[in-house]
PDB file of all heavy atoms in Angstrom:
ATOM      1  N   PRO A   1       9.020  -8.547 -10.504  1.00  0.00           N
ATOM      2  CA  PRO A   1       7.771  -8.791 -11.221  1.00  0.00           C
ATOM      3  C   PRO A   1       6.666  -9.361 -10.341  1.00  0.00           C
ATOM      4  O   PRO A   1       5.484  -9.113 -10.590  1.00  0.00           O
ATOM      5  CB  PRO A   1       8.171  -9.800 -12.310  1.00  0.00           C
ATOM      6  CG  PRO A   1       9.471 -10.369 -11.895  1.00  0.00           C
ATOM      7  CD  PRO A   1      10.132  -9.359 -11.005  1.00  0.00           C
ATOM      8  N   HIS A   2       7.038 -10.064  -9.275  1.00  0.00           N
ATOM      9  CA  HIS A   2       6.017 -10.655  -8.403  1.00  0.00           C
ATOM     10  C   HIS A   2       5.247  -9.607  -7.598  1.00  0.00           C
ATOM     11  O   HIS A   2       4.233  -9.923  -6.981  1.00  0.00           O
ATOM     12  CB  HIS A   2       6.643 -11.709  -7.469  1.00  0.00           C
ATOM     13  CG  HIS A   2       7.543 -11.135  -6.429  1.00  0.00           C
ATOM     14  ND1 HIS A   2       8.871 -10.858  -6.672  1.00  0.00           N
ATOM     15  CD2 HIS A   2       7.302 -10.783  -5.147  1.00  0.00           C
ATOM     16  CE1 HIS A   2       9.407 -10.362  -5.566  1.00  0.00           C
ATOM     17  NE2 HIS A   2       8.473 -10.311  -4.633  1.00  0.00           N
ATOM     18  N   LYS A   3       5.693  -8.352  -7.618  1.00  0.00           N
ATOM     19  CA  LYS A   3       4.988  -7.305  -6.874  1.00  0.00           C
ATOM     20  C   LYS A   3       3.859  -6.658  -7.679  1.00  0.00           C
ATOM     21  O   LYS A   3       3.106  -5.847  -7.154  1.00  0.00           O
ATOM     22  CB  LYS A   3       5.972  -6.249  -6.397  1.00  0.00           C
ATOM     23  CG  LYS A   3       6.910  -6.786  -5.323  1.00  0.00           C
ATOM     24  CD  LYS A   3       7.735  -5.704  -4.704  1.00  0.00           C
ATOM     25  CE  LYS A   3       8.615  -6.277  -3.596  1.00  0.00           C
ATOM     26  NZ  LYS A   3       9.393  -5.243  -2.934  1.00  0.00           N
ATOM     27  N   LYS A   4       3.724  -7.024  -8.954  1.00  0.00           N
ATOM     28  CA  LYS A   4       2.692  -6.421  -9.803  1.00  0.00           C
ATOM     29  C   LYS A   4       1.292  -6.676  -9.252  1.00  0.00           C
ATOM     30  O   LYS A   4       0.491  -5.743  -9.107  1.00  0.00           O
ATOM     31  CB  LYS A   4       2.794  -6.948 -11.230  1.00  0.00           C
ATOM     32  CG  LYS A   4       1.745  -6.369 -12.152  1.00  0.00           C
ATOM     33  CD  LYS A   4       1.909  -6.848 -13.577  1.00  0.00           C
ATOM     34  CE  LYS A   4       0.872  -6.195 -14.479  1.00  0.00           C
ATOM     35  NZ  LYS A   4       1.068  -6.584 -15.887  1.00  0.00           N
ATOM     36  N   GLU A   5       0.988  -7.915  -8.953  1.00  0.00           N
ATOM     37  CA  GLU A   5      -0.349  -8.249  -8.444  1.00  0.00           C
ATOM     38  C   GLU A   5      -0.629  -7.524  -7.133  1.00  0.00           C
ATOM     39  O   GLU A   5      -1.719  -6.992  -6.930  1.00  0.00           O
ATOM     40  CB  GLU A   5      -0.496  -9.760  -8.264  1.00  0.00           C
ATOM     41  CG  GLU A   5      -1.891 -10.160  -7.836  1.00  0.00           C
ATOM     42  CD  GLU A   5      -2.061 -11.663  -7.722  1.00  0.00           C
ATOM     43  OE1 GLU A   5      -1.278 -12.428  -8.312  1.00  0.00           O
ATOM     44  OE2 GLU A   5      -3.004 -12.071  -7.020  1.00  0.00           O
ATOM     45  N   GLU A   6       0.352  -7.501  -6.256  1.00  0.00           N
ATOM     46  CA  GLU A   6       0.201  -6.804  -4.967  1.00  0.00           C
ATOM     47  C   GLU A   6      -0.080  -5.318  -5.192  1.00  0.00           C
ATOM     48  O   GLU A   6      -0.963  -4.735  -4.563  1.00  0.00           O
ATOM     49  CB  GLU A   6       1.468  -6.981  -4.131  1.00  0.00           C
ATOM     50  CG  GLU A   6       1.469  -6.268  -2.809  1.00  0.00           C
ATOM     51  CD  GLU A   6       0.602  -6.932  -1.747  1.00  0.00           C
ATOM     52  OE1 GLU A   6       0.152  -8.070  -1.939  1.00  0.00           O
ATOM     53  OE2 GLU A   6       0.370  -6.302  -0.717  1.00  0.00           O
ATOM     54  N   ALA A   7       0.684  -4.698  -6.089  1.00  0.00           N
ATOM     55  CA  ALA A   7       0.538  -3.263  -6.354  1.00  0.00           C
ATOM     56  C   ALA A   7      -0.846  -2.927  -6.878  1.00  0.00           C
ATOM     57  O   ALA A   7      -1.481  -1.961  -6.427  1.00  0.00           O
ATOM     58  CB  ALA A   7       1.608  -2.802  -7.350  1.00  0.00           C
ATOM     59  N   ILE A   8      -1.326  -3.718  -7.817  1.00  0.00           N
ATOM     60  CA  ILE A   8      -2.597  -3.401  -8.476  1.00  0.00           C
ATOM     61  C   ILE A   8      -3.797  -3.932  -7.693  1.00  0.00           C
ATOM     62  O   ILE A   8      -4.736  -3.186  -7.412  1.00  0.00           O
ATOM     63  CB  ILE A   8      -2.582  -3.919  -9.931  1.00  0.00           C
ATOM     64  CG1 ILE A   8      -1.533  -3.124 -10.730  1.00  0.00           C
ATOM     65  CG2 ILE A   8      -3.957  -3.808 -10.568  1.00  0.00           C
ATOM     66  CD1 ILE A   8      -1.269  -3.618 -12.125  1.00  0.00           C
ATOM     67  N   GLN A   9      -3.766  -5.208  -7.322  1.00  0.00           N
ATOM     68  CA  GLN A   9      -4.922  -5.816  -6.664  1.00  0.00           C
ATOM     69  C   GLN A   9      -5.101  -5.364  -5.218  1.00  0.00           C
ATOM     70  O   GLN A   9      -6.207  -5.046  -4.795  1.00  0.00           O
ATOM     71  CB  GLN A   9      -4.816  -7.347  -6.707  1.00  0.00           C
ATOM     72  CG  GLN A   9      -4.752  -7.925  -8.088  1.00  0.00           C
ATOM     73  CD  GLN A   9      -5.991  -7.618  -8.914  1.00  0.00           C
ATOM     74  OE1 GLN A   9      -7.100  -7.594  -8.413  1.00  0.00           O
ATOM     75  NE2 GLN A   9      -5.792  -7.373 -10.201  1.00  0.00           N
ATOM     76  N   HIS A  10      -4.019  -5.349  -4.457  1.00  0.00           N
ATOM     77  CA  HIS A  10      -4.133  -5.035  -3.023  1.00  0.00           C
ATOM     78  C   HIS A  10      -4.052  -3.541  -2.730  1.00  0.00           C
ATOM     79  O   HIS A  10      -4.819  -3.026  -1.927  1.00  0.00           O
ATOM     80  CB  HIS A  10      -3.052  -5.786  -2.231  1.00  0.00           C
ATOM     81  CG  HIS A  10      -3.062  -5.498  -0.772  1.00  0.00           C
ATOM     82  ND1 HIS A  10      -4.064  -5.922   0.073  1.00  0.00           N
ATOM     83  CD2 HIS A  10      -2.207  -4.791   0.005  1.00  0.00           C
ATOM     84  CE1 HIS A  10      -3.825  -5.491   1.290  1.00  0.00           C
ATOM     85  NE2 HIS A  10      -2.696  -4.822   1.284  1.00  0.00           N
ATOM     86  N   LEU A  11      -3.111  -2.855  -3.386  1.00  0.00           N
ATOM     87  CA  LEU A  11      -2.890  -1.446  -3.057  1.00  0.00           C
ATOM     88  C   LEU A  11      -3.638  -0.481  -3.972  1.00  0.00           C
ATOM     89  O   LEU A  11      -3.713   0.700  -3.682  1.00  0.00           O
ATOM     90  CB  LEU A  11      -1.387  -1.136  -3.078  1.00  0.00           C
ATOM     91  CG  LEU A  11      -0.571  -1.918  -2.044  1.00  0.00           C
ATOM     92  CD1 LEU A  11       0.912  -1.678  -2.258  1.00  0.00           C
ATOM     93  CD2 LEU A  11      -0.993  -1.551  -0.623  1.00  0.00           C
ATOM     94  N   GLY A  12      -4.163  -0.968  -5.082  1.00  0.00           N
ATOM     95  CA  GLY A  12      -4.967  -0.121  -5.955  1.00  0.00           C
ATOM     96  C   GLY A  12      -4.200   0.708  -6.962  1.00  0.00           C
ATOM     97  O   GLY A  12      -4.759   1.665  -7.528  1.00  0.00           O
ATOM     98  N   ALA A  13      -2.937   0.374  -7.208  1.00  0.00           N
ATOM     99  CA  ALA A  13      -2.181   1.100  -8.234  1.00  0.00           C
ATOM    100  C   ALA A  13      -2.875   0.920  -9.581  1.00  0.00           C
ATOM    101  O   ALA A  13      -3.518  -0.103  -9.837  1.00  0.00           O
ATOM    102  CB  ALA A  13      -0.740   0.597  -8.300  1.00  0.00           C
ATOM    103  N   ASP A  14      -2.744   1.920 -10.429  1.00  0.00           N
ATOM    104  CA  ASP A  14      -3.373   1.866 -11.749  1.00  0.00           C
ATOM    105  C   ASP A  14      -2.537   1.100 -12.757  1.00  0.00           C
ATOM    106  O   ASP A  14      -3.077   0.527 -13.705  1.00  0.00           O
ATOM    107  CB  ASP A  14      -3.614   3.296 -12.251  1.00  0.00           C
ATOM    108  CG  ASP A  14      -4.540   4.042 -11.311  1.00  0.00           C
ATOM    109  OD1 ASP A  14      -5.747   3.771 -11.348  1.00  0.00           O
ATOM    110  OD2 ASP A  14      -4.052   4.874 -10.525  1.00  0.00           O
ATOM    111  N   SER A  15      -1.225   1.114 -12.564  1.00  0.00           N
ATOM    112  CA  SER A  15      -0.348   0.405 -13.490  1.00  0.00           C
ATOM    113  C   SER A  15       0.948   0.025 -12.785  1.00  0.00           C
ATOM    114  O   SER A  15       1.231   0.488 -11.684  1.00  0.00           O
ATOM    115  CB  SER A  15      -0.064   1.245 -14.740  1.00  0.00           C
ATOM    116  OG  SER A  15       0.513   2.472 -14.392  1.00  0.00           O
ATOM    117  N   PHE A  16       1.727  -0.798 -13.469  1.00  0.00           N
ATOM    118  CA  PHE A  16       2.959  -1.340 -12.909  1.00  0.00           C
ATOM    119  C   PHE A  16       4.012  -1.355 -14.003  1.00  0.00           C
ATOM    120  O   PHE A  16       3.740  -1.775 -15.128  1.00  0.00           O
ATOM    121  CB  PHE A  16       2.708  -2.766 -12.405  1.00  0.00           C
ATOM    122  CG  PHE A  16       3.901  -3.421 -11.777  1.00  0.00           C
ATOM    123  CD1 PHE A  16       4.148  -3.284 -10.428  1.00  0.00           C
ATOM    124  CD2 PHE A  16       4.774  -4.194 -12.535  1.00  0.00           C
ATOM    125  CE1 PHE A  16       5.250  -3.902  -9.831  1.00  0.00           C
ATOM    126  CE2 PHE A  16       5.871  -4.821 -11.965  1.00  0.00           C
ATOM    127  CZ  PHE A  16       6.105  -4.664 -10.606  1.00  0.00           C
ATOM    128  N   LEU A  17       5.194  -0.886 -13.677  1.00  0.00           N
ATOM    129  CA  LEU A  17       6.325  -0.927 -14.607  1.00  0.00           C
ATOM    130  C   LEU A  17       7.429  -1.773 -14.010  1.00  0.00           C
ATOM    131  O   LEU A  17       7.889  -1.512 -12.897  1.00  0.00           O
ATOM    132  CB  LEU A  17       6.883   0.472 -14.848  1.00  0.00           C
ATOM    133  CG  LEU A  17       6.184   1.361 -15.851  1.00  0.00           C
ATOM    134  CD1 LEU A  17       6.826   2.746 -15.857  1.00  0.00           C
ATOM    135  CD2 LEU A  17       6.239   0.751 -17.234  1.00  0.00           C
ATOM    136  N   LEU A  18       7.841  -2.780 -14.746  1.00  0.00           N
ATOM    137  CA  LEU A  18       8.983  -3.577 -14.340  1.00  0.00           C
ATOM    138  C   LEU A  18      10.221  -2.851 -14.851  1.00  0.00           C
ATOM    139  O   LEU A  18      10.462  -2.776 -16.054  1.00  0.00           O
ATOM    140  CB  LEU A  18       8.884  -4.985 -14.937  1.00  0.00           C
ATOM    141  CG  LEU A  18       9.976  -5.957 -14.540  1.00  0.00           C
ATOM    142  CD1 LEU A  18       9.989  -6.201 -13.030  1.00  0.00           C
ATOM    143  CD2 LEU A  18       9.788  -7.274 -15.284  1.00  0.00           C
ATOM    144  N   SER A  19      10.987  -2.285 -13.942  1.00  0.00           N
ATOM    145  CA  SER A  19      12.105  -1.421 -14.335  1.00  0.00           C
ATOM    146  C   SER A  19      13.220  -2.167 -15.061  1.00  0.00           C
ATOM    147  O   SER A  19      14.035  -1.549 -15.734  1.00  0.00           O
ATOM    148  CB  SER A  19      12.668  -0.680 -13.115  1.00  0.00           C
ATOM    149  OG  SER A  19      13.127  -1.601 -12.150  1.00  0.00           O
ATOM    150  N   ARG A  20      13.240  -3.482 -14.966  1.00  0.00           N
ATOM    151  CA  ARG A  20      14.250  -4.280 -15.672  1.00  0.00           C
ATOM    152  C   ARG A  20      13.862  -4.525 -17.134  1.00  0.00           C
ATOM    153  O   ARG A  20      14.667  -5.011 -17.908  1.00  0.00           O
ATOM    154  CB  ARG A  20      14.448  -5.615 -14.977  1.00  0.00           C
ATOM    155  CG  ARG A  20      15.023  -5.472 -13.593  1.00  0.00           C
ATOM    156  CD  ARG A  20      15.086  -6.825 -12.909  1.00  0.00           C
ATOM    157  NE  ARG A  20      15.315  -6.646 -11.495  1.00  0.00           N
ATOM    158  CZ  ARG A  20      16.303  -7.215 -10.833  1.00  0.00           C
ATOM    159  NH1 ARG A  20      17.145  -8.002 -11.437  1.00  0.00           N
ATOM    160  NH2 ARG A  20      16.435  -7.001  -9.545  1.00  0.00           N
ATOM    161  N   ASP A  21      12.614  -4.213 -17.482  1.00  0.00           N
ATOM    162  CA  ASP A  21      12.128  -4.431 -18.849  1.00  0.00           C
ATOM    163  C   ASP A  21      12.320  -3.136 -19.643  1.00  0.00           C
ATOM    164  O   ASP A  21      11.533  -2.191 -19.521  1.00  0.00           O
ATOM    165  CB  ASP A  21      10.663  -4.842 -18.814  1.00  0.00           C
ATOM    166  CG  ASP A  21      10.119  -5.213 -20.185  1.00  0.00           C
ATOM    167  OD1 ASP A  21      10.540  -4.599 -21.193  1.00  0.00           O
ATOM    168  OD2 ASP A  21       9.252  -6.097 -20.238  1.00  0.00           O
ATOM    169  N   GLN A  22      13.365  -3.094 -20.439  1.00  0.00           N
ATOM    170  CA  GLN A  22      13.719  -1.878 -21.181  1.00  0.00           C
ATOM    171  C   GLN A  22      12.615  -1.441 -22.145  1.00  0.00           C
ATOM    172  O   GLN A  22      12.395  -0.243 -22.334  1.00  0.00           O
ATOM    173  CB  GLN A  22      15.040  -2.085 -21.938  1.00  0.00           C
ATOM    174  CG  GLN A  22      16.225  -2.345 -21.024  1.00  0.00           C
ATOM    175  CD  GLN A  22      16.419  -1.236 -19.994  1.00  0.00           C
ATOM    176  OE1 GLN A  22      16.342  -0.064 -20.297  1.00  0.00           O
ATOM    177  NE2 GLN A  22      16.644  -1.628 -18.748  1.00  0.00           N
ATOM    178  N   ASP A  23      11.907  -2.399 -22.752  1.00  0.00           N
ATOM    179  CA  ASP A  23      10.826  -2.051 -23.679  1.00  0.00           C
ATOM    180  C   ASP A  23       9.681  -1.358 -22.942  1.00  0.00           C
ATOM    181  O   ASP A  23       9.147  -0.352 -23.412  1.00  0.00           O
ATOM    182  CB  ASP A  23      10.307  -3.289 -24.411  1.00  0.00           C
ATOM    183  CG  ASP A  23      11.328  -3.869 -25.383  1.00  0.00           C
ATOM    184  OD1 ASP A  23      12.206  -3.107 -25.860  1.00  0.00           O
ATOM    185  OD2 ASP A  23      11.248  -5.079 -25.667  1.00  0.00           O
ATOM    186  N   LEU A  24       9.305  -1.885 -21.778  1.00  0.00           N
ATOM    187  CA  LEU A  24       8.247  -1.253 -20.976  1.00  0.00           C
ATOM    188  C   LEU A  24       8.669   0.150 -20.532  1.00  0.00           C
ATOM    189  O   LEU A  24       7.876   1.092 -20.611  1.00  0.00           O
ATOM    190  CB  LEU A  24       7.925  -2.089 -19.733  1.00  0.00           C
ATOM    191  CG  LEU A  24       7.079  -3.329 -19.921  1.00  0.00           C
ATOM    192  CD1 LEU A  24       6.925  -4.063 -18.599  1.00  0.00           C
ATOM    193  CD2 LEU A  24       5.715  -2.970 -20.482  1.00  0.00           C
ATOM    194  N   MET A  25       9.903   0.264 -20.064  1.00  0.00           N
ATOM    195  CA  MET A  25      10.395   1.558 -19.595  1.00  0.00           C
ATOM    196  C   MET A  25      10.435   2.569 -20.740  1.00  0.00           C
ATOM    197  O   MET A  25      10.038   3.725 -20.568  1.00  0.00           O
ATOM    198  CB  MET A  25      11.769   1.406 -18.947  1.00  0.00           C
ATOM    199  CG  MET A  25      11.767   0.607 -17.652  1.00  0.00           C
ATOM    200  SD  MET A  25      10.874   1.409 -16.308  1.00  0.00           S
ATOM    201  CE  MET A  25      12.076   2.652 -15.831  1.00  0.00           C
ATOM    202  N   HIS A  26      10.870   2.126 -21.908  1.00  0.00           N
ATOM    203  CA  HIS A  26      10.919   3.023 -23.059  1.00  0.00           C
ATOM    204  C   HIS A  26       9.501   3.441 -23.477  1.00  0.00           C
ATOM    205  O   HIS A  26       9.263   4.596 -23.820  1.00  0.00           O
ATOM    206  CB  HIS A  26      11.649   2.373 -24.238  1.00  0.00           C
ATOM    207  CG  HIS A  26      11.798   3.285 -25.408  1.00  0.00           C
ATOM    208  ND1 HIS A  26      12.690   4.340 -25.405  1.00  0.00           N
ATOM    209  CD2 HIS A  26      11.142   3.320 -26.598  1.00  0.00           C
ATOM    210  CE1 HIS A  26      12.579   4.989 -26.560  1.00  0.00           C
ATOM    211  NE2 HIS A  26      11.654   4.385 -27.296  1.00  0.00           N
ATOM    212  N   GLY A  27       8.565   2.506 -23.412  1.00  0.00           N
ATOM    213  CA  GLY A  27       7.178   2.809 -23.760  1.00  0.00           C
ATOM    214  C   GLY A  27       6.515   3.788 -22.808  1.00  0.00           C
ATOM    215  O   GLY A  27       5.550   4.466 -23.164  1.00  0.00           O
ATOM    216  N   ALA A  28       7.032   3.865 -21.587  1.00  0.00           N
ATOM    217  CA  ALA A  28       6.475   4.769 -20.577  1.00  0.00           C
ATOM    218  C   ALA A  28       7.260   6.079 -20.471  1.00  0.00           C
ATOM    219  O   ALA A  28       6.992   6.907 -19.598  1.00  0.00           O
ATOM    220  CB  ALA A  28       6.447   4.080 -19.219  1.00  0.00           C
ATOM    221  N   LYS A  29       8.206   6.275 -21.379  1.00  0.00           N
ATOM    222  CA  LYS A  29       9.053   7.470 -21.342  1.00  0.00           C
ATOM    223  C   LYS A  29       8.200   8.742 -21.330  1.00  0.00           C
ATOM    224  O   LYS A  29       7.216   8.851 -22.046  1.00  0.00           O
ATOM    225  CB  LYS A  29       9.986   7.470 -22.557  1.00  0.00           C
ATOM    226  CG  LYS A  29      11.046   8.522 -22.520  1.00  0.00           C
ATOM    227  CD  LYS A  29      12.003   8.377 -23.689  1.00  0.00           C
ATOM    228  CE  LYS A  29      13.037   9.484 -23.613  1.00  0.00           C
ATOM    229  NZ  LYS A  29      13.992   9.412 -24.699  1.00  0.00           N
ATOM    230  N   GLU A  30       8.594   9.679 -20.455  1.00  0.00           N
ATOM    231  CA  GLU A  30       7.941  10.988 -20.318  1.00  0.00           C
ATOM    232  C   GLU A  30       6.438  10.887 -20.072  1.00  0.00           C
ATOM    233  O   GLU A  30       5.652  11.665 -20.590  1.00  0.00           O
ATOM    234  CB  GLU A  30       8.241  11.857 -21.545  1.00  0.00           C
ATOM    235  CG  GLU A  30       9.724  12.127 -21.710  1.00  0.00           C
ATOM    236  CD  GLU A  30      10.063  12.974 -22.927  1.00  0.00           C
ATOM    237  OE1 GLU A  30       9.154  13.322 -23.699  1.00  0.00           O
ATOM    238  OE2 GLU A  30      11.253  13.282 -23.089  1.00  0.00           O
ATOM    239  N   SER A  31       6.037   9.924 -19.232  1.00  0.00           N
ATOM    240  CA  SER A  31       4.610   9.717 -18.961  1.00  0.00           C
ATOM    241  C   SER A  31       4.174  10.115 -17.550  1.00  0.00           C
ATOM    242  O   SER A  31       2.982  10.160 -17.273  1.00  0.00           O
ATOM    243  CB  SER A  31       4.245   8.247 -19.197  1.00  0.00           C
ATOM    244  OG  SER A  31       4.894   7.408 -18.257  1.00  0.00           O
ATOM    245  N   LEU A  32       5.122  10.420 -16.672  1.00  0.00           N
ATOM    246  CA  LEU A  32       4.775  10.695 -15.277  1.00  0.00           C
ATOM    247  C   LEU A  32       5.065  12.145 -14.899  1.00  0.00           C
ATOM    248  O   LEU A  32       6.085  12.701 -15.284  1.00  0.00           O
ATOM    249  CB  LEU A  32       5.551   9.763 -14.343  1.00  0.00           C
ATOM    250  CG  LEU A  32       5.346   8.262 -14.566  1.00  0.00           C
ATOM    251  CD1 LEU A  32       6.255   7.461 -13.639  1.00  0.00           C
ATOM    252  CD2 LEU A  32       3.898   7.874 -14.372  1.00  0.00           C
ATOM    253  N   ASP A  33       4.155  12.725 -14.129  1.00  0.00           N
ATOM    254  CA  ASP A  33       4.355  14.084 -13.624  1.00  0.00           C
ATOM    255  C   ASP A  33       5.342  14.119 -12.468  1.00  0.00           C
ATOM    256  O   ASP A  33       6.059  15.092 -12.285  1.00  0.00           O
ATOM    257  CB  ASP A  33       3.022  14.685 -13.152  1.00  0.00           C
ATOM    258  CG  ASP A  33       2.034  14.849 -14.286  1.00  0.00           C
ATOM    259  OD1 ASP A  33       2.388  15.512 -15.277  1.00  0.00           O
ATOM    260  OD2 ASP A  33       0.921  14.308 -14.185  1.00  0.00           O
ATOM    261  N   GLY A  34       5.337  13.064 -11.673  1.00  0.00           N
ATOM    262  CA  GLY A  34       6.216  13.007 -10.516  1.00  0.00           C
ATOM    263  C   GLY A  34       6.469  11.580 -10.101  1.00  0.00           C
ATOM    264  O   GLY A  34       5.701  10.672 -10.433  1.00  0.00           O
ATOM    265  N   ILE A  35       7.565  11.392  -9.399  1.00  0.00           N
ATOM    266  CA  ILE A  35       7.939  10.079  -8.884  1.00  0.00           C
ATOM    267  C   ILE A  35       8.412  10.256  -7.448  1.00  0.00           C
ATOM    268  O   ILE A  35       9.216  11.138  -7.154  1.00  0.00           O
ATOM    269  CB  ILE A  35       9.065   9.433  -9.712  1.00  0.00           C
ATOM    270  CG1 ILE A  35       8.616   9.197 -11.156  1.00  0.00           C
ATOM    271  CG2 ILE A  35       9.531   8.120  -9.065  1.00  0.00           C
ATOM    272  CD1 ILE A  35       9.733   8.712 -12.079  1.00  0.00           C
ATOM    273  N   ILE A  36       7.912   9.381  -6.566  1.00  0.00           N
ATOM    274  CA  ILE A  36       8.423   9.297  -5.197  1.00  0.00           C
ATOM    275  C   ILE A  36       9.313   8.062  -5.156  1.00  0.00           C
ATOM    276  O   ILE A  36       8.853   6.950  -5.416  1.00  0.00           O
ATOM    277  CB  ILE A  36       7.286   9.184  -4.170  1.00  0.00           C
ATOM    278  CG1 ILE A  36       6.416  10.435  -4.211  1.00  0.00           C
ATOM    279  CG2 ILE A  36       7.849   8.953  -2.768  1.00  0.00           C
ATOM    280  CD1 ILE A  36       5.181  10.358  -3.348  1.00  0.00           C
ATOM    281  N   ASP A  37      10.583   8.262  -4.850  1.00  0.00           N
ATOM    282  CA  ASP A  37      11.563   7.188  -4.818  1.00  0.00           C
ATOM    283  C   ASP A  37      11.791   6.801  -3.363  1.00  0.00           C
ATOM    284  O   ASP A  37      12.381   7.553  -2.590  1.00  0.00           O
ATOM    285  CB  ASP A  37      12.860   7.654  -5.479  1.00  0.00           C
ATOM    286  CG  ASP A  37      13.900   6.562  -5.612  1.00  0.00           C
ATOM    287  OD1 ASP A  37      13.857   5.585  -4.832  1.00  0.00           O
ATOM    288  OD2 ASP A  37      14.771   6.703  -6.480  1.00  0.00           O
ATOM    289  N   THR A  38      11.327   5.616  -2.982  1.00  0.00           N
ATOM    290  CA  THR A  38      11.409   5.160  -1.593  1.00  0.00           C
ATOM    291  C   THR A  38      12.543   4.180  -1.350  1.00  0.00           C
ATOM    292  O   THR A  38      12.664   3.651  -0.246  1.00  0.00           O
ATOM    293  CB  THR A  38      10.081   4.489  -1.175  1.00  0.00           C
ATOM    294  OG1 THR A  38       9.924   3.251  -1.876  1.00  0.00           O
ATOM    295  CG2 THR A  38       8.886   5.385  -1.442  1.00  0.00           C
ATOM    296  N   ILE A  39      13.367   3.936  -2.350  1.00  0.00           N
ATOM    297  CA  ILE A  39      14.409   2.908  -2.250  1.00  0.00           C
ATOM    298  C   ILE A  39      15.590   3.388  -1.410  1.00  0.00           C
ATOM    299  O   ILE A  39      16.118   4.472  -1.645  1.00  0.00           O
ATOM    300  CB  ILE A  39      14.890   2.486  -3.652  1.00  0.00           C
ATOM    301  CG1 ILE A  39      13.712   1.927  -4.447  1.00  0.00           C
ATOM    302  CG2 ILE A  39      16.015   1.461  -3.550  1.00  0.00           C
ATOM    303  CD1 ILE A  39      14.042   1.619  -5.877  1.00  0.00           C
ATOM    304  N   SER A  40      16.002   2.551  -0.471  1.00  0.00           N
ATOM    305  CA  SER A  40      17.135   2.899   0.388  1.00  0.00           C
ATOM    306  C   SER A  40      18.407   2.162  -0.009  1.00  0.00           C
ATOM    307  O   SER A  40      19.359   2.115   0.766  1.00  0.00           O
ATOM    308  CB  SER A  40      16.794   2.603   1.854  1.00  0.00           C
ATOM    309  OG  SER A  40      15.824   3.518   2.298  1.00  0.00           O
TER     310      SER A  40
END
């Protein structure tokens, strides 16, 4: 959750989803055209 401010304020992201928050994830269901997964 501490990366939200960095994502939006510094990097210019339009929105932020906390993947541990099931309600947020459910609310964003089928909302993205594509995802780049950078996690190793």
